[in-house]
């Protein structure tokens, strides 16, 4: 276990905000987590993964916790369905890459999404028609309030669009995910209805999950900044869901990209709305809107401050609201 005071968090957030915390704790296993003297740690407590979905708006006055619980255990009894128990500290894309190498279907559409497995279960990450909640059948966590281990079924996790039980106001920060049970399959089930994936595959039907993974990786690398070179927090805004009437006001001829949901509402890409408002490439201090994907805000100069990002966020939110009457909400957690 590593405990450090007045810790620089620049390397613990992918936006590369130059902020610090009063205390930083990194633990290797559940026993170390359970043995912490939480009463003596500076408050509040904040558990992070890879720091890929966070915007620190200032120095954090409390304790930042991070898991190094890293294992992947297959419960393979020879059936089509293969349960996999994964430690919360495993990098999500490392997990996806390994399952694809083993020929297991399910996670391939979620390739190259930054972050760790525990955070993926909290955030319910998603891409190209698949969400982490579709694969998760159980979550094991440590309850910081009652100081005990707890287990949740998939239903109890209450997964929704970039949402879960763990993100609800009454639970936020209460549970530390320590492991996640996911169910993958040997049976081919390619999800390639998205135009970009079909094009990347050259119109052919994929025979392995690795083929789909390679297509997704190709698409994401074309559109998104390399996190090794440019700081960002990935997709900054959620895609808004609007009524059918609201969509018809946005796009009277129906030509705007959209996704019809079963309840009659319509999901509209936030990137399209932002682009239509002319924000692609817009800058604010050291922050900018990524030229190839306006859903992503970046630390363009490496010296952007939290105030630069917040000001750019506000400009975009105001612009989309004024033109389309749609309120964008951030996907990135503001700390």
C-alpha atoms as a PDB file:
ATOM      1  CA  UNK A   1       0.000   0.000   0.000  1.00  0.00           C
ATOM      2  CA  UNK A   2       1.153   3.526  -0.806  1.00  0.00           C
ATOM      3  CA  UNK A   3       0.023   6.541   1.238  1.00  0.00           C
ATOM      4  CA  UNK A   4       1.294  10.008   0.307  1.00  0.00           C
ATOM      5  CA  UNK A   5       0.366  13.469   1.557  1.00  0.00           C
ATOM      6  CA  UNK A   6       0.026  16.601  -0.594  1.00  0.00           C
ATOM      7  CA  UNK A   7       0.143  14.453  -3.713  1.00  0.00           C
ATOM      8  CA  UNK A   8       0.381  15.827  -7.265  1.00  0.00           C
ATOM      9  CA  UNK A   9      -2.520  14.407  -9.310  1.00  0.00           C
ATOM     10  CA  UNK A  10      -1.277  15.536 -12.729  1.00  0.00           C
ATOM     11  CA  UNK A  11      -0.503  11.934 -13.729  1.00  0.00           C
ATOM     12  CA  UNK A  12      -3.738  10.589 -12.206  1.00  0.00           C
ATOM     13  CA  UNK A  13      -6.120  12.468 -14.509  1.00  0.00           C
ATOM     14  CA  UNK A  14      -6.070  12.138 -18.285  1.00  0.00           C
ATOM     15  CA  UNK A  15      -7.022  15.810 -18.722  1.00  0.00           C
ATOM     16  CA  UNK A  16      -3.620  16.519 -17.125  1.00  0.00           C
ATOM     17  CA  UNK A  17      -4.984  19.244 -14.886  1.00  0.00           C
ATOM     18  CA  UNK A  18      -2.258  20.473 -12.549  1.00  0.00           C
ATOM     19  CA  UNK A  19      -4.010  19.791  -9.250  1.00  0.00           C
ATOM     20  CA  UNK A  20      -3.154  18.007  -6.016  1.00  0.00           C
ATOM     21  CA  UNK A  21      -4.900  16.228  -3.154  1.00  0.00           C
ATOM     22  CA  UNK A  22      -4.312  16.286   0.593  1.00  0.00           C
ATOM     23  CA  UNK A  23      -3.719  12.511   0.647  1.00  0.00           C
ATOM     24  CA  UNK A  24      -3.333   9.749  -1.949  1.00  0.00           C
ATOM     25  CA  UNK A  25      -3.824   6.048  -1.138  1.00  0.00           C
ATOM     26  CA  UNK A  26      -3.094   3.217  -3.565  1.00  0.00           C
ATOM     27  CA  UNK A  27      -3.876  -0.320  -2.362  1.00  0.00           C
ATOM     28  CA  UNK A  28      -3.039  -3.752  -3.785  1.00  0.00           C
ATOM     29  CA  UNK A  29      -5.890  -5.936  -2.517  1.00  0.00           C
ATOM     30  CA  UNK A  30      -9.222  -5.912  -0.699  1.00  0.00           C
ATOM     31  CA  UNK A  31      -7.627  -6.718   2.663  1.00  0.00           C
ATOM     32  CA  UNK A  32      -5.528  -3.550   2.494  1.00  0.00           C
ATOM     33  CA  UNK A  33      -8.617  -1.503   1.618  1.00  0.00           C
ATOM     34  CA  UNK A  34     -10.618  -2.992   4.488  1.00  0.00           C
ATOM     35  CA  UNK A  35      -7.722  -2.381   6.891  1.00  0.00           C
ATOM     36  CA  UNK A  36      -7.465   1.346   6.209  1.00  0.00           C
ATOM     37  CA  UNK A  37      -8.162   3.670   9.129  1.00  0.00           C
ATOM     38  CA  UNK A  38     -10.686   5.791   7.256  1.00  0.00           C
ATOM     39  CA  UNK A  39     -11.381   7.965  10.310  1.00  0.00           C
ATOM     40  CA  UNK A  40      -7.852   9.369  10.139  1.00  0.00           C
ATOM     41  CA  UNK A  41      -7.861  10.116   6.395  1.00  0.00           C
ATOM     42  CA  UNK A  42      -8.548  13.686   5.218  1.00  0.00           C
ATOM     43  CA  UNK A  43     -12.139  14.068   3.990  1.00  0.00           C
ATOM     44  CA  UNK A  44     -13.889  13.842   1.652  1.00  0.00           C
ATOM     45  CA  UNK A  45     -12.926  10.511   0.100  1.00  0.00           C
ATOM     46  CA  UNK A  46     -12.774  10.116  -3.683  1.00  0.00           C
ATOM     47  CA  UNK A  47     -12.095   6.834  -5.462  1.00  0.00           C
ATOM     48  CA  UNK A  48     -10.753   7.091  -8.993  1.00  0.00           C
ATOM     49  CA  UNK A  49      -9.791   4.655 -11.727  1.00  0.00           C
ATOM     50  CA  UNK A  50      -7.495   5.827 -14.499  1.00  0.00           C
ATOM     51  CA  UNK A  51      -8.811   9.372 -14.064  1.00  0.00           C
ATOM     52  CA  UNK A  52     -10.188   9.305 -17.603  1.00  0.00           C
ATOM     53  CA  UNK A  53     -13.695  10.634 -16.950  1.00  0.00           C
ATOM     54  CA  UNK A  54     -12.851  13.396 -14.477  1.00  0.00           C
ATOM     55  CA  UNK A  55     -12.333  17.120 -14.509  1.00  0.00           C
ATOM     56  CA  UNK A  56     -10.683  18.340 -11.324  1.00  0.00           C
ATOM     57  CA  UNK A  57     -11.849  21.949 -11.045  1.00  0.00           C
ATOM     58  CA  UNK A  58      -9.416  22.739  -8.203  1.00  0.00           C
ATOM     59  CA  UNK A  59      -7.091  21.051  -5.692  1.00  0.00           C
ATOM     60  CA  UNK A  60      -8.895  18.240  -3.866  1.00  0.00           C
ATOM     61  CA  UNK A  61      -8.980  18.807  -0.086  1.00  0.00           C
ATOM     62  CA  UNK A  62      -9.506  15.157   0.874  1.00  0.00           C
ATOM     63  CA  UNK A  63      -8.175  11.670   0.121  1.00  0.00           C
ATOM     64  CA  UNK A  64      -7.997  10.138  -3.351  1.00  0.00           C
ATOM     65  CA  UNK A  65      -8.098   6.316  -3.378  1.00  0.00           C
ATOM     66  CA  UNK A  66      -6.913   4.105  -6.239  1.00  0.00           C
ATOM     67  CA  UNK A  67      -7.088   0.334  -6.725  1.00  0.00           C
ATOM     68  CA  UNK A  68      -4.249  -1.865  -7.945  1.00  0.00           C
ATOM     69  CA  UNK A  69      -6.429  -5.010  -7.755  1.00  0.00           C
ATOM     70  CA  UNK A  70      -5.499  -6.616 -11.051  1.00  0.00           C
ATOM     71  CA  UNK A  71      -6.616 -10.123 -12.014  1.00  0.00           C
ATOM     72  CA  UNK A  72      -8.757 -11.821 -14.659  1.00  0.00           C
ATOM     73  CA  UNK A  73     -10.272 -15.179 -13.675  1.00  0.00           C
ATOM     74  CA  UNK A  74     -12.281 -17.271 -16.125  1.00  0.00           C
ATOM     75  CA  UNK A  75     -14.998 -19.580 -14.809  1.00  0.00           C
ATOM     76  CA  UNK A  76     -14.859 -21.839 -17.848  1.00  0.00           C
ATOM     77  CA  UNK A  77     -16.955 -25.019 -17.700  1.00  0.00           C
ATOM     78  CA  UNK A  78     -17.068 -25.571 -21.445  1.00  0.00           C
ATOM     79  CA  UNK A  79     -20.427 -23.904 -22.141  1.00  0.00           C
ATOM     80  CA  UNK A  80     -21.107 -21.111 -24.634  1.00  0.00           C
ATOM     81  CA  UNK A  81     -21.373 -18.594 -21.788  1.00  0.00           C
ATOM     82  CA  UNK A  82     -18.105 -17.836 -20.008  1.00  0.00           C
ATOM     83  CA  UNK A  83     -18.233 -15.876 -16.725  1.00  0.00           C
ATOM     84  CA  UNK A  84     -15.141 -13.768 -16.019  1.00  0.00           C
ATOM     85  CA  UNK A  85     -14.296 -12.194 -12.654  1.00  0.00           C
ATOM     86  CA  UNK A  86     -12.095  -9.124 -13.080  1.00  0.00           C
ATOM     87  CA  UNK A  87     -10.287  -6.974 -10.519  1.00  0.00           C
ATOM     88  CA  UNK A  88     -11.358  -3.341 -10.426  1.00  0.00           C
ATOM     89  CA  UNK A  89      -7.849  -2.069 -11.156  1.00  0.00           C
ATOM     90  CA  UNK A  90      -7.491  -3.865 -14.504  1.00  0.00           C
ATOM     91  CA  UNK A  91      -7.276  -1.422 -17.416  1.00  0.00           C
ATOM     92  CA  UNK A  92     -10.531  -1.860 -19.333  1.00  0.00           C
ATOM     93  CA  UNK A  93      -8.938  -2.123 -22.774  1.00  0.00           C
ATOM     94  CA  UNK A  94      -6.423  -4.707 -21.539  1.00  0.00           C
ATOM     95  CA  UNK A  95      -9.403  -6.810 -20.453  1.00  0.00           C
ATOM     96  CA  UNK A  96     -11.138  -6.362 -23.827  1.00  0.00           C
ATOM     97  CA  UNK A  97      -7.963  -7.210 -25.738  1.00  0.00           C
ATOM     98  CA  UNK A  98      -7.448 -10.427 -23.777  1.00  0.00           C
ATOM     99  CA  UNK A  99     -11.038 -11.622 -24.189  1.00  0.00           C
ATOM    100  CA  UNK A 100     -10.856 -10.982 -27.930  1.00  0.00           C
ATOM    101  CA  UNK A 101      -7.622 -12.976 -28.169  1.00  0.00           C
ATOM    102  CA  UNK A 102      -9.456 -15.846 -26.474  1.00  0.00           C
ATOM    103  CA  UNK A 103     -12.262 -15.610 -29.055  1.00  0.00           C
ATOM    104  CA  UNK A 104     -14.885 -14.496 -26.531  1.00  0.00           C
ATOM    105  CA  UNK A 105     -17.675 -12.239 -27.803  1.00  0.00           C
ATOM    106  CA  UNK A 106     -19.322  -9.363 -25.982  1.00  0.00           C
ATOM    107  CA  UNK A 107     -16.801  -6.644 -25.133  1.00  0.00           C
ATOM    108  CA  UNK A 108     -15.236  -6.034 -28.557  1.00  0.00           C
ATOM    109  CA  UNK A 109     -17.362  -2.941 -29.368  1.00  0.00           C
ATOM    110  CA  UNK A 110     -16.026  -1.323 -26.177  1.00  0.00           C
ATOM    111  CA  UNK A 111     -12.414  -1.466 -27.346  1.00  0.00           C
ATOM    112  CA  UNK A 112     -10.037   1.407 -26.623  1.00  0.00           C
ATOM    113  CA  UNK A 113     -12.344   3.110 -24.123  1.00  0.00           C
ATOM    114  CA  UNK A 114     -10.008   4.541 -21.475  1.00  0.00           C
ATOM    115  CA  UNK A 115     -10.345   3.745 -17.792  1.00  0.00           C
ATOM    116  CA  UNK A 116     -10.364   0.738 -15.493  1.00  0.00           C
ATOM    117  CA  UNK A 117     -12.866  -2.066 -14.949  1.00  0.00           C
ATOM    118  CA  UNK A 118     -14.194  -0.759 -11.636  1.00  0.00           C
ATOM    119  CA  UNK A 119     -14.902   2.675 -13.093  1.00  0.00           C
ATOM    120  CA  UNK A 120     -16.505   1.071 -16.174  1.00  0.00           C
ATOM    121  CA  UNK A 121     -19.009  -0.648 -13.875  1.00  0.00           C
ATOM    122  CA  UNK A 122     -19.814   2.636 -12.144  1.00  0.00           C
ATOM    123  CA  UNK A 123     -20.074   4.730 -15.304  1.00  0.00           C
ATOM    124  CA  UNK A 124     -21.726   2.071 -17.497  1.00  0.00           C
ATOM    125  CA  UNK A 125     -19.443   2.948 -20.377  1.00  0.00           C
ATOM    126  CA  UNK A 126     -20.791   2.342 -23.856  1.00  0.00           C
ATOM    127  CA  UNK A 127     -20.041   2.579 -27.562  1.00  0.00           C
ATOM    128  CA  UNK A 128     -21.404   1.304 -30.872  1.00  0.00           C
ATOM    129  CA  UNK A 129     -24.607  -0.162 -29.464  1.00  0.00           C
ATOM    130  CA  UNK A 130     -23.068  -1.948 -26.446  1.00  0.00           C
ATOM    131  CA  UNK A 131     -22.834  -0.907 -22.786  1.00  0.00           C
ATOM    132  CA  UNK A 132     -20.803  -2.434 -19.978  1.00  0.00           C
ATOM    133  CA  UNK A 133     -24.078  -3.090 -18.133  1.00  0.00           C
ATOM    134  CA  UNK A 134     -25.083  -5.482 -20.936  1.00  0.00           C
ATOM    135  CA  UNK A 135     -22.170  -7.749 -19.940  1.00  0.00           C
ATOM    136  CA  UNK A 136     -22.096  -7.311 -16.173  1.00  0.00           C
ATOM    137  CA  UNK A 137     -23.935  -9.844 -14.045  1.00  0.00           C
ATOM    138  CA  UNK A 138     -22.580  -8.817 -10.640  1.00  0.00           C
ATOM    139  CA  UNK A 139     -20.429  -6.307  -8.783  1.00  0.00           C
ATOM    140  CA  UNK A 140     -18.516  -6.726  -5.520  1.00  0.00           C
ATOM    141  CA  UNK A 141     -17.806  -3.525  -3.596  1.00  0.00           C
ATOM    142  CA  UNK A 142     -16.695  -2.168  -0.241  1.00  0.00           C
ATOM    143  CA  UNK A 143     -19.267  -0.011   1.532  1.00  0.00           C
ATOM    144  CA  UNK A 144     -17.373   2.966   2.966  1.00  0.00           C
ATOM    145  CA  UNK A 145     -20.373   3.924   5.085  1.00  0.00           C
ATOM    146  CA  UNK A 146     -20.899   0.565   6.787  1.00  0.00           C
ATOM    147  CA  UNK A 147     -17.274  -0.613   6.348  1.00  0.00           C
ATOM    148  CA  UNK A 148     -18.178  -4.013   4.913  1.00  0.00           C
ATOM    149  CA  UNK A 149     -18.112  -5.982   1.684  1.00  0.00           C
ATOM    150  CA  UNK A 150     -21.340  -5.929  -0.359  1.00  0.00           C
ATOM    151  CA  UNK A 151     -22.502  -7.653  -3.540  1.00  0.00           C
ATOM    152  CA  UNK A 152     -24.883  -6.392  -6.194  1.00  0.00           C
ATOM    153  CA  UNK A 153     -26.691  -8.272  -8.948  1.00  0.00           C
ATOM    154  CA  UNK A 154     -26.956  -6.686 -12.375  1.00  0.00           C
ATOM    155  CA  UNK A 155     -30.551  -5.671 -11.629  1.00  0.00           C
ATOM    156  CA  UNK A 156     -29.507  -4.055  -8.355  1.00  0.00           C
ATOM    157  CA  UNK A 157     -26.877  -2.004 -10.229  1.00  0.00           C
ATOM    158  CA  UNK A 158     -29.764  -0.206 -12.037  1.00  0.00           C
ATOM    159  CA  UNK A 159     -27.870   0.452 -15.217  1.00  0.00           C
ATOM    160  CA  UNK A 160     -29.028   3.232 -17.523  1.00  0.00           C
ATOM    161  CA  UNK A 161     -27.401   5.483 -20.098  1.00  0.00           C
ATOM    162  CA  UNK A 162     -24.036   6.374 -18.482  1.00  0.00           C
ATOM    163  CA  UNK A 163     -25.723   5.780 -15.164  1.00  0.00           C
ATOM    164  CA  UNK A 164     -25.906   3.254 -12.346  1.00  0.00           C
ATOM    165  CA  UNK A 165     -26.824   2.773  -8.694  1.00  0.00           C
ATOM    166  CA  UNK A 166     -23.307   3.940  -7.820  1.00  0.00           C
ATOM    167  CA  UNK A 167     -23.835   7.350  -9.435  1.00  0.00           C
ATOM    168  CA  UNK A 168     -27.084   8.196  -7.666  1.00  0.00           C
ATOM    169  CA  UNK A 169     -26.753  11.222  -5.352  1.00  0.00           C
ATOM    170  CA  UNK A 170     -27.525   9.167  -2.247  1.00  0.00           C
ATOM    171  CA  UNK A 171     -24.831   6.601  -3.149  1.00  0.00           C
ATOM    172  CA  UNK A 172     -22.172   8.659  -4.887  1.00  0.00           C
ATOM    173  CA  UNK A 173     -18.822   7.956  -3.236  1.00  0.00           C
ATOM    174  CA  UNK A 174     -20.268   5.354  -0.891  1.00  0.00           C
ATOM    175  CA  UNK A 175     -19.219   2.172  -2.693  1.00  0.00           C
ATOM    176  CA  UNK A 176     -15.716   1.212  -3.847  1.00  0.00           C
ATOM    177  CA  UNK A 177     -15.958  -1.427  -6.575  1.00  0.00           C
ATOM    178  CA  UNK A 178     -13.369  -4.163  -5.975  1.00  0.00           C
ATOM    179  CA  UNK A 179     -14.317  -6.735  -8.640  1.00  0.00           C
ATOM    180  CA  UNK A 180     -16.797  -7.185 -11.476  1.00  0.00           C
ATOM    181  CA  UNK A 181     -18.375 -10.381 -12.834  1.00  0.00           C
ATOM    182  CA  UNK A 182     -18.965 -10.234 -16.589  1.00  0.00           C
ATOM    183  CA  UNK A 183     -20.486 -12.840 -18.877  1.00  0.00           C
ATOM    184  CA  UNK A 184     -19.016 -13.307 -22.351  1.00  0.00           C
ATOM    185  CA  UNK A 185     -19.828 -15.876 -25.009  1.00  0.00           C
ATOM    186  CA  UNK A 186     -18.113 -18.273 -27.360  1.00  0.00           C
ATOM    187  CA  UNK A 187     -21.157 -18.010 -29.642  1.00  0.00           C
ATOM    188  CA  UNK A 188     -20.642 -15.364 -32.355  1.00  0.00           C
ATOM    189  CA  UNK A 189     -22.828 -12.316 -31.842  1.00  0.00           C
ATOM    190  CA  UNK A 190     -21.311  -9.419 -33.813  1.00  0.00           C
ATOM    191  CA  UNK A 191     -22.898  -6.008 -33.248  1.00  0.00           C
ATOM    192  CA  UNK A 192     -21.969  -4.226 -36.458  1.00  0.00           C
ATOM    193  CA  UNK A 193     -25.085  -2.211 -37.238  1.00  0.00           C
ATOM    194  CA  UNK A 194     -23.201   1.079 -36.933  1.00  0.00           C
ATOM    195  CA  UNK A 195     -22.206   2.433 -40.326  1.00  0.00           C
ATOM    196  CA  UNK A 196     -18.628   3.190 -39.303  1.00  0.00           C
ATOM    197  CA  UNK A 197     -18.002  -0.372 -38.153  1.00  0.00           C
ATOM    198  CA  UNK A 198     -19.502  -1.850 -41.323  1.00  0.00           C
ATOM    199  CA  UNK A 199     -17.297   0.404 -43.426  1.00  0.00           C
ATOM    200  CA  UNK A 200     -14.187  -0.435 -41.407  1.00  0.00           C
ATOM    201  CA  UNK A 201     -14.947  -4.123 -41.941  1.00  0.00           C
ATOM    202  CA  UNK A 202     -15.278  -3.560 -45.689  1.00  0.00           C
ATOM    203  CA  UNK A 203     -18.831  -4.876 -45.641  1.00  0.00           C
ATOM    204  CA  UNK A 204     -17.773  -8.395 -44.671  1.00  0.00           C
ATOM    205  CA  UNK A 205     -19.266 -10.362 -41.786  1.00  0.00           C
ATOM    206  CA  UNK A 206     -16.690 -10.679 -38.987  1.00  0.00           C
ATOM    207  CA  UNK A 207     -15.739 -14.202 -38.011  1.00  0.00           C
ATOM    208  CA  UNK A 208     -13.961 -13.325 -34.765  1.00  0.00           C
ATOM    209  CA  UNK A 209     -14.342 -10.662 -32.050  1.00  0.00           C
ATOM    210  CA  UNK A 210     -10.762  -9.611 -32.840  1.00  0.00           C
ATOM    211  CA  UNK A 211     -11.911  -8.413 -36.288  1.00  0.00           C
ATOM    212  CA  UNK A 212     -14.563  -6.202 -34.704  1.00  0.00           C
ATOM    213  CA  UNK A 213     -12.059  -4.933 -32.131  1.00  0.00           C
ATOM    214  CA  UNK A 214      -9.623  -3.939 -34.869  1.00  0.00           C
ATOM    215  CA  UNK A 215     -12.392  -2.073 -36.715  1.00  0.00           C
ATOM    216  CA  UNK A 216     -13.417  -0.191 -33.557  1.00  0.00           C
ATOM    217  CA  UNK A 217      -9.797   0.645 -32.686  1.00  0.00           C
ATOM    218  CA  UNK A 218      -9.285   1.970 -36.232  1.00  0.00           C
ATOM    219  CA  UNK A 219     -12.357   4.225 -35.981  1.00  0.00           C
ATOM    220  CA  UNK A 220     -11.493   5.566 -32.537  1.00  0.00           C
ATOM    221  CA  UNK A 221      -7.870   6.293 -33.439  1.00  0.00           C
ATOM    222  CA  UNK A 222      -9.011   8.234 -36.482  1.00  0.00           C
ATOM    223  CA  UNK A 223     -11.419  10.403 -34.507  1.00  0.00           C
ATOM    224  CA  UNK A 224      -9.986  10.720 -31.014  1.00  0.00           C
ATOM    225  CA  UNK A 225      -6.786  12.285 -29.663  1.00  0.00           C
ATOM    226  CA  UNK A 226      -3.958  10.006 -28.558  1.00  0.00           C
ATOM    227  CA  UNK A 227      -4.047  10.220 -24.734  1.00  0.00           C
ATOM    228  CA  UNK A 228      -0.259   9.918 -24.694  1.00  0.00           C
ATOM    229  CA  UNK A 229       0.004  13.158 -26.672  1.00  0.00           C
ATOM    230  CA  UNK A 230      -3.071  15.273 -25.845  1.00  0.00           C
ATOM    231  CA  UNK A 231      -4.862  15.468 -22.507  1.00  0.00           C
ATOM    232  CA  UNK A 232      -8.627  14.945 -22.505  1.00  0.00           C
ATOM    233  CA  UNK A 233     -11.349  13.129 -20.614  1.00  0.00           C
ATOM    234  CA  UNK A 234     -12.841  11.383 -23.634  1.00  0.00           C
ATOM    235  CA  UNK A 235     -16.431  12.221 -24.585  1.00  0.00           C
ATOM    236  CA  UNK A 236     -17.249  15.330 -22.591  1.00  0.00           C
ATOM    237  CA  UNK A 237     -21.022  15.509 -23.127  1.00  0.00           C
ATOM    238  CA  UNK A 238     -23.824  12.960 -23.048  1.00  0.00           C
ATOM    239  CA  UNK A 239     -25.875  12.497 -26.203  1.00  0.00           C
ATOM    240  CA  UNK A 240     -29.194  14.216 -25.427  1.00  0.00           C
ATOM    241  CA  UNK A 241     -32.477  12.316 -25.623  1.00  0.00           C
ATOM    242  CA  UNK A 242     -35.325  14.510 -26.868  1.00  0.00           C
ATOM    243  CA  UNK A 243     -38.996  14.119 -27.716  1.00  0.00           C
ATOM    244  CA  UNK A 244     -40.061  13.408 -31.292  1.00  0.00           C
ATOM    245  CA  UNK A 245     -41.488  16.938 -31.520  1.00  0.00           C
ATOM    246  CA  UNK A 246     -38.216  18.433 -30.317  1.00  0.00           C
ATOM    247  CA  UNK A 247     -36.264  16.417 -32.889  1.00  0.00           C
ATOM    248  CA  UNK A 248     -38.560  17.658 -35.659  1.00  0.00           C
ATOM    249  CA  UNK A 249     -37.772  21.217 -34.582  1.00  0.00           C
ATOM    250  CA  UNK A 250     -34.058  20.428 -34.626  1.00  0.00           C
ATOM    251  CA  UNK A 251     -34.274  18.765 -38.032  1.00  0.00           C
ATOM    252  CA  UNK A 252     -37.549  19.456 -39.896  1.00  0.00           C
ATOM    253  CA  UNK A 253     -36.566  17.178 -42.787  1.00  0.00           C
ATOM    254  CA  UNK A 254     -35.316  14.412 -40.457  1.00  0.00           C
ATOM    255  CA  UNK A 255     -31.867  14.391 -42.061  1.00  0.00           C
ATOM    256  CA  UNK A 256     -29.924  15.003 -38.849  1.00  0.00           C
ATOM    257  CA  UNK A 257     -28.193  11.898 -37.474  1.00  0.00           C
ATOM    258  CA  UNK A 258     -30.332  10.336 -34.770  1.00  0.00           C
ATOM    259  CA  UNK A 259     -31.335   7.085 -33.096  1.00  0.00           C
ATOM    260  CA  UNK A 260     -34.995   6.251 -32.476  1.00  0.00           C
ATOM    261  CA  UNK A 261     -35.547   4.770 -29.023  1.00  0.00           C
ATOM    262  CA  UNK A 262     -38.280   2.226 -28.188  1.00  0.00           C
ATOM    263  CA  UNK A 263     -40.203   4.704 -26.013  1.00  0.00           C
ATOM    264  CA  UNK A 264     -40.672   7.126 -28.914  1.00  0.00           C
ATOM    265  CA  UNK A 265     -37.930   9.533 -27.902  1.00  0.00           C
ATOM    266  CA  UNK A 266     -34.906  10.295 -30.056  1.00  0.00           C
ATOM    267  CA  UNK A 267     -31.195  10.290 -29.192  1.00  0.00           C
ATOM    268  CA  UNK A 268     -29.273  12.976 -31.062  1.00  0.00           C
ATOM    269  CA  UNK A 269     -25.459  12.988 -31.260  1.00  0.00           C
ATOM    270  CA  UNK A 270     -24.111  15.821 -29.143  1.00  0.00           C
ATOM    271  CA  UNK A 271     -21.134  15.991 -31.527  1.00  0.00           C
ATOM    272  CA  UNK A 272     -23.460  16.909 -34.409  1.00  0.00           C
ATOM    273  CA  UNK A 273     -25.191  19.630 -32.398  1.00  0.00           C
ATOM    274  CA  UNK A 274     -21.837  21.093 -31.330  1.00  0.00           C
ATOM    275  CA  UNK A 275     -20.502  20.959 -34.877  1.00  0.00           C
ATOM    276  CA  UNK A 276     -23.615  22.679 -36.272  1.00  0.00           C
ATOM    277  CA  UNK A 277     -23.012  25.537 -33.831  1.00  0.00           C
ATOM    278  CA  UNK A 278     -19.525  26.062 -35.250  1.00  0.00           C
ATOM    279  CA  UNK A 279     -17.548  24.983 -32.206  1.00  0.00           C
ATOM    280  CA  UNK A 280     -15.283  22.438 -33.885  1.00  0.00           C
ATOM    281  CA  UNK A 281     -11.735  23.644 -33.204  1.00  0.00           C
ATOM    282  CA  UNK A 282     -12.892  26.430 -30.857  1.00  0.00           C
ATOM    283  CA  UNK A 283     -10.405  27.435 -28.163  1.00  0.00           C
ATOM    284  CA  UNK A 284     -10.571  28.917 -24.681  1.00  0.00           C
ATOM    285  CA  UNK A 285      -7.224  29.640 -23.091  1.00  0.00           C
ATOM    286  CA  UNK A 286      -5.306  26.371 -23.271  1.00  0.00           C
ATOM    287  CA  UNK A 287      -8.447  24.252 -23.865  1.00  0.00           C
ATOM    288  CA  UNK A 288      -9.978  23.402 -27.250  1.00  0.00           C
ATOM    289  CA  UNK A 289     -12.656  21.396 -29.019  1.00  0.00           C
ATOM    290  CA  UNK A 290     -10.988  18.517 -30.859  1.00  0.00           C
ATOM    291  CA  UNK A 291     -11.024  19.144 -34.615  1.00  0.00           C
ATOM    292  CA  UNK A 292     -11.949  15.583 -35.589  1.00  0.00           C
ATOM    293  CA  UNK A 293     -14.524  14.908 -32.854  1.00  0.00           C
ATOM    294  CA  UNK A 294     -16.310  17.923 -31.329  1.00  0.00           C
ATOM    295  CA  UNK A 295     -17.635  15.782 -28.489  1.00  0.00           C
ATOM    296  CA  UNK A 296     -14.114  15.834 -27.028  1.00  0.00           C
ATOM    297  CA  UNK A 297     -12.560  18.787 -25.201  1.00  0.00           C
ATOM    298  CA  UNK A 298      -8.777  18.720 -24.954  1.00  0.00           C
ATOM    299  CA  UNK A 299      -5.914  20.283 -23.031  1.00  0.00           C
ATOM    300  CA  UNK A 300      -4.523  21.590 -26.311  1.00  0.00           C
ATOM    301  CA  UNK A 301      -1.477  23.399 -24.953  1.00  0.00           C
ATOM    302  CA  UNK A 302      -0.756  21.102 -22.024  1.00  0.00           C
ATOM    303  CA  UNK A 303      -1.183  24.150 -19.816  1.00  0.00           C
ATOM    304  CA  UNK A 304      -4.986  24.461 -19.777  1.00  0.00           C
ATOM    305  CA  UNK A 305      -6.514  25.307 -16.416  1.00  0.00           C
ATOM    306  CA  UNK A 306      -9.772  23.898 -15.059  1.00  0.00           C
ATOM    307  CA  UNK A 307     -11.251  27.387 -15.583  1.00  0.00           C
ATOM    308  CA  UNK A 308     -10.373  27.219 -19.307  1.00  0.00           C
ATOM    309  CA  UNK A 309     -12.262  23.936 -19.674  1.00  0.00           C
ATOM    310  CA  UNK A 310     -15.250  25.127 -17.644  1.00  0.00           C
ATOM    311  CA  UNK A 311     -15.516  28.311 -19.686  1.00  0.00           C
ATOM    312  CA  UNK A 312     -15.382  26.362 -22.959  1.00  0.00           C
ATOM    313  CA  UNK A 313     -17.997  23.937 -21.652  1.00  0.00           C
ATOM    314  CA  UNK A 314     -20.296  26.865 -20.801  1.00  0.00           C
ATOM    315  CA  UNK A 315     -19.863  28.436 -24.245  1.00  0.00           C
ATOM    316  CA  UNK A 316     -20.816  25.187 -25.943  1.00  0.00           C
ATOM    317  CA  UNK A 317     -23.770  24.533 -23.641  1.00  0.00           C
ATOM    318  CA  UNK A 318     -25.092  28.067 -24.192  1.00  0.00           C
ATOM    319  CA  UNK A 319     -24.598  27.888 -27.961  1.00  0.00           C
ATOM    320  CA  UNK A 320     -26.456  24.591 -28.365  1.00  0.00           C
ATOM    321  CA  UNK A 321     -29.249  25.761 -26.075  1.00  0.00           C
ATOM    322  CA  UNK A 322     -29.703  29.015 -28.006  1.00  0.00           C
ATOM    323  CA  UNK A 323     -29.744  27.380 -31.449  1.00  0.00           C
ATOM    324  CA  UNK A 324     -31.564  24.105 -30.814  1.00  0.00           C
ATOM    325  CA  UNK A 325     -33.289  24.511 -27.448  1.00  0.00           C
ATOM    326  CA  UNK A 326     -31.408  21.432 -26.203  1.00  0.00           C
ATOM    327  CA  UNK A 327     -29.514  21.373 -22.909  1.00  0.00           C
ATOM    328  CA  UNK A 328     -26.281  19.397 -23.028  1.00  0.00           C
ATOM    329  CA  UNK A 329     -25.166  17.652 -19.856  1.00  0.00           C
ATOM    330  CA  UNK A 330     -21.564  16.637 -19.165  1.00  0.00           C
ATOM    331  CA  UNK A 331     -20.606  12.991 -19.134  1.00  0.00           C
ATOM    332  CA  UNK A 332     -17.370  13.926 -17.374  1.00  0.00           C
ATOM    333  CA  UNK A 333     -17.568  14.117 -13.576  1.00  0.00           C
ATOM    334  CA  UNK A 334     -16.633  17.539 -12.218  1.00  0.00           C
ATOM    335  CA  UNK A 335     -14.663  17.183  -8.987  1.00  0.00           C
END
